[in-house]
All heavy atoms as atom14 arrays in JSON, in Angstrom:
{
  "sequence": "NNAGITRDALLVRMEEKNWDSVMEVNLKGTFNCTRVFVREMLK",
  "atom14_mask": [
    [1, 1, 1, 1, 1, 1, 1, 1, 0, 0, 0, 0, 0, 0],
    [1, 1, 1, 1, 1, 1, 1, 1, 0, 0, 0, 0, 0, 0],
    [1, 1, 1, 1, 1, 0, 0, 0, 0, 0, 0, 0, 0, 0],
    [1, 1, 1, 1, 0, 0, 0, 0, 0, 0, 0, 0, 0, 0],
    [1, 1, 1, 1, 1, 1, 1, 1, 0, 0, 0, 0, 0, 0],
    [1, 1, 1, 1, 1, 1, 1, 0, 0, 0, 0, 0, 0, 0],
    [1, 1, 1, 1, 1, 1, 1, 1, 1, 1, 1, 0, 0, 0],
    [1, 1, 1, 1, 1, 1, 1, 1, 0, 0, 0, 0, 0, 0],
    [1, 1, 1, 1, 1, 0, 0, 0, 0, 0, 0, 0, 0, 0],
    [1, 1, 1, 1, 1, 1, 1, 1, 0, 0, 0, 0, 0, 0],
    [1, 1, 1, 1, 1, 1, 1, 1, 0, 0, 0, 0, 0, 0],
    [1, 1, 1, 1, 1, 1, 1, 0, 0, 0, 0, 0, 0, 0],
    [1, 1, 1, 1, 1, 1, 1, 1, 1, 1, 1, 0, 0, 0],
    [1, 1, 1, 1, 1, 1, 1, 1, 0, 0, 0, 0, 0, 0],
    [1, 1, 1, 1, 1, 1, 1, 1, 1, 0, 0, 0, 0, 0],
    [1, 1, 1, 1, 1, 1, 1, 1, 1, 0, 0, 0, 0, 0],
    [1, 1, 1, 1, 1, 1, 1, 1, 1, 0, 0, 0, 0, 0],
    [1, 1, 1, 1, 1, 1, 1, 1, 0, 0, 0, 0, 0, 0],
    [1, 1, 1, 1, 1, 1, 1, 1, 1, 1, 1, 1, 1, 1],
    [1, 1, 1, 1, 1, 1, 1, 1, 0, 0, 0, 0, 0, 0],
    [1, 1, 1, 1, 1, 1, 0, 0, 0, 0, 0, 0, 0, 0],
    [1, 1, 1, 1, 1, 1, 1, 0, 0, 0, 0, 0, 0, 0],
    [1, 1, 1, 1, 1, 1, 1, 1, 0, 0, 0, 0, 0, 0],
    [1, 1, 1, 1, 1, 1, 1, 1, 1, 0, 0, 0, 0, 0],
    [1, 1, 1, 1, 1, 1, 1, 0, 0, 0, 0, 0, 0, 0],
    [1, 1, 1, 1, 1, 1, 1, 1, 0, 0, 0, 0, 0, 0],
    [1, 1, 1, 1, 1, 1, 1, 1, 0, 0, 0, 0, 0, 0],
    [1, 1, 1, 1, 1, 1, 1, 1, 1, 0, 0, 0, 0, 0],
    [1, 1, 1, 1, 0, 0, 0, 0, 0, 0, 0, 0, 0, 0],
    [1, 1, 1, 1, 1, 1, 1, 0, 0, 0, 0, 0, 0, 0],
    [1, 1, 1, 1, 1, 1, 1, 1, 1, 1, 1, 0, 0, 0],
    [1, 1, 1, 1, 1, 1, 1, 1, 0, 0, 0, 0, 0, 0],
    [1, 1, 1, 1, 1, 1, 0, 0, 0, 0, 0, 0, 0, 0],
    [1, 1, 1, 1, 1, 1, 1, 0, 0, 0, 0, 0, 0, 0],
    [1, 1, 1, 1, 1, 1, 1, 1, 1, 1, 1, 0, 0, 0],
    [1, 1, 1, 1, 1, 1, 1, 0, 0, 0, 0, 0, 0, 0],
    [1, 1, 1, 1, 1, 1, 1, 1, 1, 1, 1, 0, 0, 0],
    [1, 1, 1, 1, 1, 1, 1, 0, 0, 0, 0, 0, 0, 0],
    [1, 1, 1, 1, 1, 1, 1, 1, 1, 1, 1, 0, 0, 0],
    [1, 1, 1, 1, 1, 1, 1, 1, 1, 0, 0, 0, 0, 0],
    [1, 1, 1, 1, 1, 1, 1, 1, 0, 0, 0, 0, 0, 0],
    [1, 1, 1, 1, 1, 1, 1, 1, 0, 0, 0, 0, 0, 0],
    [1, 1, 1, 1, 1, 1, 1, 1, 1, 0, 0, 0, 0, 0]
  ],
  "atom14_positions": [
    [[-1.39, -29.07, -189.02], [-0.87, -30.15, -189.89], [-0.73, -29.59, -191.3], [-1.66, -29.66, -192.11], [-1.83, -31.33, -189.88], [-1.79, -32.09, -188.56], [-0.72, -32.5, -188.11], [-2.96, -32.29, -187.95], [0.0, 0.0, 0.0], [0.0, 0.0, 0.0], [0.0, 0.0, 0.0], [0.0, 0.0, 0.0], [0.0, 0.0, 0.0], [0.0, 0.0, 0.0]],
    [[0.43, -29.01, -191.57], [0.67, -28.35, -192.84], [1.59, -29.12, -193.74], [1.57, -28.93, -194.98], [1.25, -26.95, -192.58], [1.78, -26.31, -193.84], [1.02, -25.84, -194.69], [3.11, -26.27, -193.97], [0.0, 0.0, 0.0], [0.0, 0.0, 0.0], [0.0, 0.0, 0.0], [0.0, 0.0, 0.0], [0.0, 0.0, 0.0], [0.0, 0.0, 0.0]],
    [[2.42, -30.01, -193.24], [3.43, -30.72, -194.04], [2.77, -31.43, -195.21], [1.78, -32.15, -195.05], [4.2, -31.73, -193.18], [0.0, 0.0, 0.0], [0.0, 0.0, 0.0], [0.0, 0.0, 0.0], [0.0, 0.0, 0.0], [0.0, 0.0, 0.0], [0.0, 0.0, 0.0], [0.0, 0.0, 0.0], [0.0, 0.0, 0.0], [0.0, 0.0, 0.0]],
    [[3.33, -31.22, -196.4], [2.77, -31.87, -197.58], [3.73, -31.86, -198.75], [4.6, -31.0, -198.85], [0.0, 0.0, 0.0], [0.0, 0.0, 0.0], [0.0, 0.0, 0.0], [0.0, 0.0, 0.0], [0.0, 0.0, 0.0], [0.0, 0.0, 0.0], [0.0, 0.0, 0.0], [0.0, 0.0, 0.0], [0.0, 0.0, 0.0], [0.0, 0.0, 0.0]],
    [[3.6, -32.85, -199.61], [4.43, -32.94, -200.8], [3.56, -33.29, -202.0], [2.41, -33.72, -201.86], [5.54, -34.02, -200.65], [4.91, -35.4, -200.47], [6.45, -33.68, -199.5], [5.9, -36.54, -200.56], [0.0, 0.0, 0.0], [0.0, 0.0, 0.0], [0.0, 0.0, 0.0], [0.0, 0.0, 0.0], [0.0, 0.0, 0.0], [0.0, 0.0, 0.0]],
    [[4.1, -33.08, -203.21], [3.46, -33.51, -204.43], [4.42, -34.41, -205.22], [5.62, -34.23, -205.16], [3.07, -32.31, -205.33], [4.24, -31.57, -205.64], [2.03, -31.43, -204.66], [0.0, 0.0, 0.0], [0.0, 0.0, 0.0], [0.0, 0.0, 0.0], [0.0, 0.0, 0.0], [0.0, 0.0, 0.0], [0.0, 0.0, 0.0], [0.0, 0.0, 0.0]],
    [[3.84, -35.35, -205.94], [4.58, -36.22, -206.85], [3.63, -36.45, -208.03], [3.01, -37.49, -208.16], [4.97, -37.56, -206.2], [5.9, -37.43, -205.02], [7.32, -37.03, -205.46], [8.25, -37.02, -204.32], [8.48, -35.99, -203.54], [7.82, -34.86, -203.74], [9.36, -36.04, -202.56], [0.0, 0.0, 0.0], [0.0, 0.0, 0.0], [0.0, 0.0, 0.0]],
    [[3.54, -35.46, -208.92], [2.5, -35.45, -209.92], [2.8, -36.37, -211.11], [3.95, -36.5, -211.55], [2.31, -34.02, -210.48], [1.82, -33.05, -209.4], [1.43, -33.5, -208.33], [1.83, -31.83, -209.69], [0.0, 0.0, 0.0], [0.0, 0.0, 0.0], [0.0, 0.0, 0.0], [0.0, 0.0, 0.0], [0.0, 0.0, 0.0], [0.0, 0.0, 0.0]],
    [[1.75, -37.02, -211.61], [1.81, -37.84, -212.8], [0.4, -38.29, -213.14], [-0.44, -38.44, -212.24], [2.73, -39.07, -212.62], [0.0, 0.0, 0.0], [0.0, 0.0, 0.0], [0.0, 0.0, 0.0], [0.0, 0.0, 0.0], [0.0, 0.0, 0.0], [0.0, 0.0, 0.0], [0.0, 0.0, 0.0], [0.0, 0.0, 0.0], [0.0, 0.0, 0.0]],
    [[0.14, -38.52, -214.42], [-1.13, -39.15, -214.77], [-1.21, -40.55, -214.17], [-0.18, -41.2, -213.99], [-1.26, -39.21, -216.29], [-1.38, -37.87, -217.03], [-1.32, -38.08, -218.53], [-2.64, -37.12, -216.61], [0.0, 0.0, 0.0], [0.0, 0.0, 0.0], [0.0, 0.0, 0.0], [0.0, 0.0, 0.0], [0.0, 0.0, 0.0], [0.0, 0.0, 0.0]],
    [[-2.39, -40.98, -213.87], [-2.58, -42.24, -213.15], [-1.83, -43.4, -213.81], [-1.15, -44.18, -213.13], [-4.07, -42.57, -213.06], [-4.42, -43.91, -212.38], [-3.97, -43.91, -210.92], [-5.89, -44.19, -212.49], [0.0, 0.0, 0.0], [0.0, 0.0, 0.0], [0.0, 0.0, 0.0], [0.0, 0.0, 0.0], [0.0, 0.0, 0.0], [0.0, 0.0, 0.0]],
    [[-1.96, -43.54, -215.11], [-1.35, -44.7, -215.78], [0.17, -44.65, -215.78], [0.84, -45.65, -216.03], [-1.84, -44.83, -217.24], [-3.33, -45.14, -217.27], [-1.53, -43.57, -218.06], [0.0, 0.0, 0.0], [0.0, 0.0, 0.0], [0.0, 0.0, 0.0], [0.0, 0.0, 0.0], [0.0, 0.0, 0.0], [0.0, 0.0, 0.0], [0.0, 0.0, 0.0]],
    [[0.74, -43.49, -215.45], [2.2, -43.34, -215.4], [2.71, -43.21, -213.97], [3.93, -43.11, -213.75], [2.64, -42.14, -216.21], [2.3, -42.22, -217.68], [2.65, -40.95, -218.42], [2.27, -41.01, -219.82], [2.28, -39.98, -220.63], [2.64, -38.77, -220.19], [1.92, -40.13, -221.9], [0.0, 0.0, 0.0], [0.0, 0.0, 0.0], [0.0, 0.0, 0.0]],
    [[1.81, -43.18, -213.03], [2.23, -42.94, -211.63], [2.85, -44.19, -211.03], [2.27, -45.28, -211.06], [1.02, -42.52, -210.78], [1.41, -42.13, -209.36], [0.01, -41.47, -208.43], [-0.29, -39.91, -209.31], [0.0, 0.0, 0.0], [0.0, 0.0, 0.0], [0.0, 0.0, 0.0], [0.0, 0.0, 0.0], [0.0, 0.0, 0.0], [0.0, 0.0, 0.0]],
    [[4.03, -44.02, -210.49], [4.7, -45.13, -209.84], [4.16, -45.31, -208.44], [3.79, -44.35, -207.76], [6.22, -44.86, -209.78], [6.88, -44.78, -211.14], [8.38, -44.53, -211.04], [8.99, -45.06, -210.09], [8.93, -43.85, -211.91], [0.0, 0.0, 0.0], [0.0, 0.0, 0.0], [0.0, 0.0, 0.0], [0.0, 0.0, 0.0], [0.0, 0.0, 0.0]],
    [[4.14, -46.56, -208.0], [3.59, -46.87, -206.69], [4.31, -46.09, -205.59], [3.68, -45.6, -204.63], [3.72, -48.37, -206.4], [3.13, -48.79, -205.08], [3.25, -50.29, -204.83], [3.97, -50.97, -205.59], [2.63, -50.79, -203.85], [0.0, 0.0, 0.0], [0.0, 0.0, 0.0], [0.0, 0.0, 0.0], [0.0, 0.0, 0.0], [0.0, 0.0, 0.0]],
    [[5.62, -45.92, -205.72], [6.38, -45.22, -204.68], [5.94, -43.77, -204.57], [5.98, -43.19, -203.46], [7.88, -45.29, -204.96], [8.33, -44.56, -206.22], [9.84, -44.67, -206.41], [10.28, -43.89, -207.67], [11.76, -44.0, -207.87], [0.0, 0.0, 0.0], [0.0, 0.0, 0.0], [0.0, 0.0, 0.0], [0.0, 0.0, 0.0], [0.0, 0.0, 0.0]],
    [[5.49, -43.15, -205.67], [5.04, -41.77, -205.62], [3.64, -41.65, -205.05], [3.28, -40.62, -204.46], [5.11, -41.15, -207.01], [6.55, -40.91, -207.44], [7.45, -40.79, -206.61], [6.79, -40.86, -208.74], [0.0, 0.0, 0.0], [0.0, 0.0, 0.0], [0.0, 0.0, 0.0], [0.0, 0.0, 0.0], [0.0, 0.0, 0.0], [0.0, 0.0, 0.0]],
    [[2.83, -42.66, -205.23], [1.55, -42.71, -204.51], [1.79, -42.86, -203.02], [1.26, -42.09, -202.19], [0.69, -43.89, -205.03], [-0.58, -44.08, -204.22], [-0.72, -44.78, -203.05], [-1.85, -43.52, -204.52], [-2.02, -44.69, -202.59], [-2.73, -43.93, -203.47], [-2.36, -42.71, -205.53], [-4.09, -43.59, -203.44], [-3.71, -42.37, -205.49], [-4.57, -42.79, -204.47]],
    [[2.64, -43.79, -202.65], [2.91, -44.09, -201.24], [3.56, -42.91, -200.5], [3.19, -42.6, -199.36], [3.79, -45.31, -201.12], [3.1, -46.6, -201.5], [1.85, -46.59, -201.58], [3.78, -47.6, -201.73], [0.0, 0.0, 0.0], [0.0, 0.0, 0.0], [0.0, 0.0, 0.0], [0.0, 0.0, 0.0], [0.0, 0.0, 0.0], [0.0, 0.0, 0.0]],
    [[4.51, -42.24, -201.15], [5.2, -41.15, -200.46], [4.27, -39.97, -200.17], [4.35, -39.36, -199.1], [6.41, -40.67, -201.28], [6.01, -40.16, -202.54], [0.0, 0.0, 0.0], [0.0, 0.0, 0.0], [0.0, 0.0, 0.0], [0.0, 0.0, 0.0], [0.0, 0.0, 0.0], [0.0, 0.0, 0.0], [0.0, 0.0, 0.0], [0.0, 0.0, 0.0]],
    [[3.38, -39.66, -201.12], [2.41, -38.57, -200.9], [1.45, -38.94, -199.77], [1.13, -38.11, -198.92], [1.65, -38.25, -202.21], [0.47, -37.34, -201.95], [2.6, -37.57, -203.19], [0.0, 0.0, 0.0], [0.0, 0.0, 0.0], [0.0, 0.0, 0.0], [0.0, 0.0, 0.0], [0.0, 0.0, 0.0], [0.0, 0.0, 0.0], [0.0, 0.0, 0.0]],
    [[0.95, -40.17, -199.78], [0.06, -40.6, -198.71], [0.76, -40.61, -197.36], [0.16, -40.23, -196.34], [-0.48, -42.0, -199.01], [-1.48, -42.03, -200.15], [-2.96, -41.08, -199.76], [-3.78, -41.14, -201.33], [0.0, 0.0, 0.0], [0.0, 0.0, 0.0], [0.0, 0.0, 0.0], [0.0, 0.0, 0.0], [0.0, 0.0, 0.0], [0.0, 0.0, 0.0]],
    [[2.02, -41.0, -197.33], [2.75, -41.09, -196.09], [2.92, -39.73, -195.43], [2.71, -39.59, -194.23], [4.14, -41.72, -196.31], [4.96, -41.84, -195.03], [6.28, -42.53, -195.25], [6.32, -43.77, -195.22], [7.28, -41.84, -195.45], [0.0, 0.0, 0.0], [0.0, 0.0, 0.0], [0.0, 0.0, 0.0], [0.0, 0.0, 0.0], [0.0, 0.0, 0.0]],
    [[3.27, -38.73, -196.21], [3.47, -37.39, -195.64], [2.15, -36.69, -195.42], [1.86, -36.2, -194.32], [4.39, -36.56, -196.55], [4.49, -35.11, -196.01], [5.76, -37.18, -196.65], [0.0, 0.0, 0.0], [0.0, 0.0, 0.0], [0.0, 0.0, 0.0], [0.0, 0.0, 0.0], [0.0, 0.0, 0.0], [0.0, 0.0, 0.0], [0.0, 0.0, 0.0]],
    [[1.33, -36.6, -196.45], [0.13, -35.75, -196.39], [-0.96, -36.31, -195.49], [-1.58, -35.56, -194.73], [-0.44, -35.54, -197.8], [0.54, -34.86, -198.74], [1.69, -34.6, -198.4], [0.1, -34.55, -199.93], [0.0, 0.0, 0.0], [0.0, 0.0, 0.0], [0.0, 0.0, 0.0], [0.0, 0.0, 0.0], [0.0, 0.0, 0.0], [0.0, 0.0, 0.0]],
    [[-1.22, -37.6, -195.6], [-2.33, -38.17, -194.87], [-1.89, -38.91, -193.6], [-2.38, -38.63, -192.52], [-3.13, -39.12, -195.78], [-4.44, -39.69, -195.21], [-5.34, -38.57, -194.7], [-5.14, -40.51, -196.27], [0.0, 0.0, 0.0], [0.0, 0.0, 0.0], [0.0, 0.0, 0.0], [0.0, 0.0, 0.0], [0.0, 0.0, 0.0], [0.0, 0.0, 0.0]],
    [[-0.94, -39.83, -193.75], [-0.45, -40.52, -192.56], [0.23, -39.55, -191.61], [0.14, -39.7, -190.39], [0.49, -41.65, -192.95], [0.9, -42.51, -191.75], [1.89, -43.6, -192.12], [2.31, -44.39, -190.89], [3.36, -45.38, -191.2], [0.0, 0.0, 0.0], [0.0, 0.0, 0.0], [0.0, 0.0, 0.0], [0.0, 0.0, 0.0], [0.0, 0.0, 0.0]],
    [[0.94, -38.57, -192.16], [1.58, -37.56, -191.31], [0.59, -36.81, -190.47], [0.8, -36.52, -189.28], [0.0, 0.0, 0.0], [0.0, 0.0, 0.0], [0.0, 0.0, 0.0], [0.0, 0.0, 0.0], [0.0, 0.0, 0.0], [0.0, 0.0, 0.0], [0.0, 0.0, 0.0], [0.0, 0.0, 0.0], [0.0, 0.0, 0.0], [0.0, 0.0, 0.0]],
    [[-0.56, -36.47, -191.08], [-1.63, -35.79, -190.35], [-2.18, -36.7, -189.25], [-2.44, -36.25, -188.13], [-2.75, -35.37, -191.31], [-2.2, -34.41, -192.24], [-3.9, -34.75, -190.57], [0.0, 0.0, 0.0], [0.0, 0.0, 0.0], [0.0, 0.0, 0.0], [0.0, 0.0, 0.0], [0.0, 0.0, 0.0], [0.0, 0.0, 0.0], [0.0, 0.0, 0.0]],
    [[-2.37, -37.98, -189.58], [-2.81, -38.95, -188.58], [-1.81, -39.08, -187.43], [-2.17, -39.01, -186.25], [-3.0, -40.31, -189.25], [-3.05, -41.48, -188.3], [-4.18, -41.75, -187.55], [-1.93, -42.3, -188.15], [-4.19, -42.83, -186.66], [-1.95, -43.38, -187.29], [-3.09, -43.64, -186.53], [0.0, 0.0, 0.0], [0.0, 0.0, 0.0], [0.0, 0.0, 0.0]],
    [[-0.52, -39.24, -187.78], [0.5, -39.42, -186.74], [0.54, -38.23, -185.78], [0.55, -38.41, -184.56], [1.87, -39.58, -187.38], [2.08, -40.97, -188.01], [1.37, -41.92, -187.7], [3.04, -41.06, -188.9], [0.0, 0.0, 0.0], [0.0, 0.0, 0.0], [0.0, 0.0, 0.0], [0.0, 0.0, 0.0], [0.0, 0.0, 0.0], [0.0, 0.0, 0.0]],
    [[0.6, -37.04, -186.33], [0.74, -35.86, -185.49], [-0.5, -35.62, -184.64], [-0.42, -35.31, -183.46], [1.03, -34.62, -186.34], [2.68, -34.64, -187.1], [0.0, 0.0, 0.0], [0.0, 0.0, 0.0], [0.0, 0.0, 0.0], [0.0, 0.0, 0.0], [0.0, 0.0, 0.0], [0.0, 0.0, 0.0], [0.0, 0.0, 0.0], [0.0, 0.0, 0.0]],
    [[-1.68, -35.78, -185.25], [-2.91, -35.58, -184.47], [-3.01, -36.6, -183.37], [-3.33, -36.26, -182.22], [-4.13, -35.68, -185.42], [-4.0, -34.73, -186.47], [-5.41, -35.41, -184.65], [0.0, 0.0, 0.0], [0.0, 0.0, 0.0], [0.0, 0.0, 0.0], [0.0, 0.0, 0.0], [0.0, 0.0, 0.0], [0.0, 0.0, 0.0], [0.0, 0.0, 0.0]],
    [[-2.77, -37.86, -183.68], [-2.88, -38.91, -182.67], [-1.94, -38.7, -181.48], [-2.31, -38.91, -180.33], [-2.6, -40.27, -183.32], [-2.76, -41.46, -182.38], [-2.68, -42.75, -183.18], [-2.82, -43.92, -182.34], [-1.78, -44.59, -181.83], [-0.55, -44.18, -182.08], [-1.97, -45.66, -181.07], [0.0, 0.0, 0.0], [0.0, 0.0, 0.0], [0.0, 0.0, 0.0]],
    [[-0.73, -38.25, -181.78], [0.26, -38.05, -180.73], [-0.01, -36.79, -179.91], [-0.04, -36.84, -178.67], [1.69, -38.0, -181.34], [2.7, -37.53, -180.3], [2.08, -39.37, -181.87], [0.0, 0.0, 0.0], [0.0, 0.0, 0.0], [0.0, 0.0, 0.0], [0.0, 0.0, 0.0], [0.0, 0.0, 0.0], [0.0, 0.0, 0.0], [0.0, 0.0, 0.0]],
    [[-0.26, -35.67, -180.57], [-0.4, -34.41, -179.85], [-1.77, -34.23, -179.19], [-1.89, -33.48, -178.22], [-0.11, -33.23, -180.77], [1.34, -33.05, -181.08], [1.87, -33.43, -182.33], [2.21, -32.52, -180.14], [3.22, -33.28, -182.62], [3.56, -32.37, -180.41], [4.06, -32.74, -181.65], [0.0, 0.0, 0.0], [0.0, 0.0, 0.0], [0.0, 0.0, 0.0]],
    [[-2.77, -34.93, -179.68], [-4.11, -34.75, -179.09], [-4.19, -35.35, -177.69], [-5.04, -34.94, -176.89], [-5.19, -35.35, -180.02], [-5.3, -36.88, -179.84], [-6.58, -34.72, -179.74], [0.0, 0.0, 0.0], [0.0, 0.0, 0.0], [0.0, 0.0, 0.0], [0.0, 0.0, 0.0], [0.0, 0.0, 0.0], [0.0, 0.0, 0.0], [0.0, 0.0, 0.0]],
    [[-3.32, -36.28, -177.37], [-3.37, -36.92, -176.06], [-3.24, -35.89, -174.94], [-4.0, -35.9, -173.96], [-2.25, -37.96, -175.92], [-2.4, -39.15, -176.85], [-1.14, -39.98, -176.91], [-1.26, -41.11, -177.81], [-0.22, -41.82, -178.25], [0.99, -41.51, -177.88], [-0.41, -42.83, -179.1], [0.0, 0.0, 0.0], [0.0, 0.0, 0.0], [0.0, 0.0, 0.0]],
    [[-2.28, -34.98, -175.11], [-2.05, -33.96, -174.07], [-3.21, -32.95, -174.07], [-3.62, -32.47, -173.02], [-0.71, -33.26, -174.35], [-0.2, -32.38, -173.23], [-0.67, -30.95, -173.4], [-0.97, -30.54, -174.52], [-0.73, -30.24, -172.36], [0.0, 0.0, 0.0], [0.0, 0.0, 0.0], [0.0, 0.0, 0.0], [0.0, 0.0, 0.0], [0.0, 0.0, 0.0]],
    [[-3.77, -32.67, -175.23], [-4.91, -31.77, -175.32], [-6.14, -32.37, -174.59], [-6.89, -31.66, -173.91], [-5.28, -31.52, -176.78], [-4.25, -30.74, -177.57], [-4.77, -30.56, -179.32], [-3.42, -29.64, -180.0], [0.0, 0.0, 0.0], [0.0, 0.0, 0.0], [0.0, 0.0, 0.0], [0.0, 0.0, 0.0], [0.0, 0.0, 0.0], [0.0, 0.0, 0.0]],
    [[-6.34, -33.67, -174.75], [-7.45, -34.34, -174.09], [-7.34, -34.22, -172.58], [-8.35, -34.02, -171.89], [-7.5, -35.8, -174.51], [-7.94, -36.09, -175.95], [-7.65, -37.53, -176.34], [-9.42, -35.78, -176.12], [0.0, 0.0, 0.0], [0.0, 0.0, 0.0], [0.0, 0.0, 0.0], [0.0, 0.0, 0.0], [0.0, 0.0, 0.0], [0.0, 0.0, 0.0]],
    [[-6.15, -34.34, -172.06], [-5.94, -34.23, -170.61], [-6.3, -32.86, -170.08], [-6.88, -32.71, -169.01], [-4.49, -34.57, -170.25], [-4.11, -36.02, -170.48], [-2.62, -36.23, -170.18], [-2.2, -37.66, -170.48], [-0.74, -37.85, -170.27], [0.0, 0.0, 0.0], [0.0, 0.0, 0.0], [0.0, 0.0, 0.0], [0.0, 0.0, 0.0], [0.0, 0.0, 0.0]]
  ]
}
């Protein structure tokens, strides 16, 4: 799980969309891929 992006800004200037996009790729992406691919590994 290597896919990742940055959207840098100080907290008080950070737009919600830039928080969400980083979380979607970096963290949710890791969750999505692990959850999907681990099924076959478990078998």
